[in-house]
Structure formats: structure tokens, C-alpha cells
Amino acid sequence: MKKLILPILTGFIMFGCQTQTATTAASQSLESNENIVIKIIQINDVYEIDAVNNGKSGGLARVATIRDSIANQNPNTWFFLAGDFVNPSLLGT
């Protein structure tokens, strides 16, 4: 059984990496030579999830609200949380 795991995983990876045909809407968009705008938002080193200063600033809920408003304007918005998340604060230990 252990000998089968690697070939099976390789098959799944290769299947997942296949190129797929464009949908009608996507191909129409590309045919009209429109530019596609991609927004990338990245935050680093989040040590506090909750708001600070008695709820007056900070907090990931505010970050999510800002991200959602940007994504509503541009659906091609990618959000990345890089760096430390909740560690080394006491909340993360």
C-alpha cells in the first residue's frame, strides 16, 4: 500500500495542474483586449486579532471589511497573510 501512495499522489497533482479551456465569458473578455487588473493585498506580522484602544483601532474585522470593500470593486483581489500570525504574543502560546 505504501508503494502506491506516491504514484497516486503524483496522479492527483498532475490532474490538478492540467490546463483547462476558458469559459465563454473569459474568452469574450480576452477577445475584446480588455486589461485585467489584479490587486494584491498583503499584511505581515499580525499579533493581535482583536481591536485595541477599547475597540477604536486595529483588529482583523476591520482588515476584513477593507478587504471586502476592495474586492467588491475588483473581484480579482488576492489577499495574503504573511509573516507571523498571533505568535509570539501570549495569545499564540
C-alpha atoms as a PDB file:
ATOM      1  CA  MET A   1       0.000   0.000   0.000  1.00  0.00           C
ATOM      2  CA  LYS A   2       2.831   2.406   0.823  1.00  0.00           C
ATOM      3  CA  LYS A   3       4.267   1.873  -2.655  1.00  0.00           C
ATOM      4  CA  LEU A   4       1.004   3.073  -4.197  1.00  0.00           C
ATOM      5  CA  ILE A   5       0.814   6.366  -2.310  1.00  0.00           C
ATOM      6  CA  LEU A   6       3.468   8.200  -4.348  1.00  0.00           C
ATOM      7  CA  PRO A   7       2.050   7.270  -7.784  1.00  0.00           C
ATOM      8  CA  ILE A   8      -1.477   8.111  -6.648  1.00  0.00           C
ATOM      9  CA  LEU A   9      -0.415  11.500  -5.257  1.00  0.00           C
ATOM     10  CA  THR A  10       1.559  12.205  -8.419  1.00  0.00           C
ATOM     11  CA  GLY A  11      -1.526  11.421 -10.484  1.00  0.00           C
ATOM     12  CA  PHE A  12      -3.688  13.768  -8.418  1.00  0.00           C
ATOM     13  CA  ILE A  13      -1.113  16.554  -8.716  1.00  0.00           C
ATOM     14  CA  MET A  14      -0.816  16.104 -12.477  1.00  0.00           C
ATOM     15  CA  PHE A  15      -4.603  16.027 -12.831  1.00  0.00           C
ATOM     16  CA  GLY A  16      -4.913  19.212 -10.771  1.00  0.00           C
ATOM     17  CA  CYS A  17      -2.294  21.020 -12.843  1.00  0.00           C
ATOM     18  CA  GLN A  18      -3.982  20.371 -16.181  1.00  0.00           C
ATOM     19  CA  THR A  19      -4.788  23.399 -18.261  1.00  0.00           C
ATOM     20  CA  GLN A  20      -8.477  23.927 -18.693  1.00  0.00           C
ATOM     21  CA  THR A  21     -10.334  25.554 -21.536  1.00  0.00           C
ATOM     22  CA  ALA A  22     -11.515  29.101 -20.984  1.00  0.00           C
ATOM     23  CA  THR A  23     -15.175  29.700 -20.332  1.00  0.00           C
ATOM     24  CA  THR A  24     -17.229  31.706 -22.786  1.00  0.00           C
ATOM     25  CA  ALA A  25     -17.201  34.832 -20.615  1.00  0.00           C
ATOM     26  CA  ALA A  26     -13.447  34.661 -20.112  1.00  0.00           C
ATOM     27  CA  SER A  27     -12.764  34.126 -23.797  1.00  0.00           C
ATOM     28  CA  GLN A  28     -15.048  37.027 -24.729  1.00  0.00           C
ATOM     29  CA  SER A  29     -13.187  39.258 -22.288  1.00  0.00           C
ATOM     30  CA  LEU A  30      -9.837  38.275 -23.773  1.00  0.00           C
ATOM     31  CA  GLU A  31     -11.086  38.787 -27.317  1.00  0.00           C
ATOM     32  CA  SER A  32     -12.074  42.370 -26.554  1.00  0.00           C
ATOM     33  CA  ASN A  33      -8.475  43.134 -25.464  1.00  0.00           C
ATOM     34  CA  GLU A  34      -9.530  44.440 -22.065  1.00  0.00           C
ATOM     35  CA  ASN A  35      -6.890  44.756 -19.388  1.00  0.00           C
ATOM     36  CA  ILE A  36      -7.331  42.558 -16.347  1.00  0.00           C
ATOM     37  CA  VAL A  37      -6.454  44.357 -13.125  1.00  0.00           C
ATOM     38  CA  ILE A  38      -5.270  42.230 -10.216  1.00  0.00           C
ATOM     39  CA  LYS A  39      -4.973  43.755  -6.759  1.00  0.00           C
ATOM     40  CA  ILE A  40      -2.665  42.096  -4.265  1.00  0.00           C
ATOM     41  CA  ILE A  41      -3.069  42.904  -0.589  1.00  0.00           C
ATOM     42  CA  GLN A  42      -0.516  41.603   1.880  1.00  0.00           C
ATOM     43  CA  ILE A  43      -0.249  42.077   5.608  1.00  0.00           C
ATOM     44  CA  ASN A  44       2.561  40.862   7.839  1.00  0.00           C
ATOM     45  CA  ASP A  45       3.166  40.011  11.456  1.00  0.00           C
ATOM     46  CA  VAL A  46      -0.332  40.037  12.943  1.00  0.00           C
ATOM     47  CA  TYR A  47      -0.009  39.791  16.707  1.00  0.00           C
ATOM     48  CA  GLU A  48      -3.482  40.947  17.743  1.00  0.00           C
ATOM     49  CA  ILE A  49      -6.731  39.626  16.327  1.00  0.00           C
ATOM     50  CA  ASP A  50      -8.983  41.835  18.436  1.00  0.00           C
ATOM     51  CA  ALA A  51      -9.250  45.593  18.225  1.00  0.00           C
ATOM     52  CA  VAL A  52      -7.111  47.688  20.574  1.00  0.00           C
ATOM     53  CA  ASN A  53      -7.638  51.013  22.365  1.00  0.00           C
ATOM     54  CA  ASN A  54     -11.096  49.959  23.575  1.00  0.00           C
ATOM     55  CA  GLY A  55     -12.129  48.969  20.045  1.00  0.00           C
ATOM     56  CA  LYS A  56     -11.100  52.266  18.466  1.00  0.00           C
ATOM     57  CA  SER A  57      -8.363  50.868  16.223  1.00  0.00           C
ATOM     58  CA  GLY A  58      -6.934  47.675  14.813  1.00  0.00           C
ATOM     59  CA  GLY A  59      -8.448  44.235  14.634  1.00  0.00           C
ATOM     60  CA  LEU A  60      -8.799  41.737  11.826  1.00  0.00           C
ATOM     61  CA  ALA A  61     -12.506  42.529  11.485  1.00  0.00           C
ATOM     62  CA  ARG A  62     -11.519  45.969  10.205  1.00  0.00           C
ATOM     63  CA  VAL A  63      -8.980  44.388   7.857  1.00  0.00           C
ATOM     64  CA  ALA A  64     -11.667  42.028   6.525  1.00  0.00           C
ATOM     65  CA  THR A  65     -14.055  44.943   5.959  1.00  0.00           C
ATOM     66  CA  ILE A  66     -11.440  46.860   3.980  1.00  0.00           C
ATOM     67  CA  ARG A  67     -10.526  43.752   2.007  1.00  0.00           C
ATOM     68  CA  ASP A  68     -14.187  43.073   1.177  1.00  0.00           C
ATOM     69  CA  SER A  69     -14.780  46.644   0.004  1.00  0.00           C
ATOM     70  CA  ILE A  70     -11.735  46.431  -2.289  1.00  0.00           C
ATOM     71  CA  ALA A  71     -12.822  43.002  -3.569  1.00  0.00           C
ATOM     72  CA  ASN A  72     -16.292  44.385  -4.356  1.00  0.00           C
ATOM     73  CA  GLN A  73     -14.657  46.990  -6.595  1.00  0.00           C
ATOM     74  CA  ASN A  74     -12.300  44.448  -8.176  1.00  0.00           C
ATOM     75  CA  PRO A  75     -13.124  40.719  -7.990  1.00  0.00           C
ATOM     76  CA  ASN A  76      -9.522  39.890  -8.960  1.00  0.00           C
ATOM     77  CA  THR A  77      -8.244  40.762  -5.491  1.00  0.00           C
ATOM     78  CA  TRP A  78      -5.830  38.400  -3.770  1.00  0.00           C
ATOM     79  CA  PHE A  79      -5.236  38.660  -0.022  1.00  0.00           C
ATOM     80  CA  PHE A  80      -2.160  37.213   1.677  1.00  0.00           C
ATOM     81  CA  LEU A  81      -1.328  37.000   5.360  1.00  0.00           C
ATOM     82  CA  ALA A  82       2.430  36.581   5.506  1.00  0.00           C
ATOM     83  CA  GLY A  83       4.846  36.642   8.396  1.00  0.00           C
ATOM     84  CA  ASP A  84       3.925  35.765  11.959  1.00  0.00           C
ATOM     85  CA  PHE A  85       0.307  35.187  12.882  1.00  0.00           C
ATOM     86  CA  VAL A  86      -0.590  35.517  16.566  1.00  0.00           C
ATOM     87  CA  ASN A  87       2.876  34.464  17.635  1.00  0.00           C
ATOM     88  CA  PRO A  88       4.953  35.445  19.698  1.00  0.00           C
ATOM     89  CA  SER A  89       2.125  37.121  21.627  1.00  0.00           C
ATOM     90  CA  LEU A  90       0.704  35.438  24.721  1.00  0.00           C
ATOM     91  CA  LEU A  91      -2.457  34.730  22.750  1.00  0.00           C
ATOM     92  CA  GLY A  92      -0.478  32.432  20.451  1.00  0.00           C
ATOM     93  CA  THR A  93       1.238  30.435  23.200  1.00  0.00           C
END
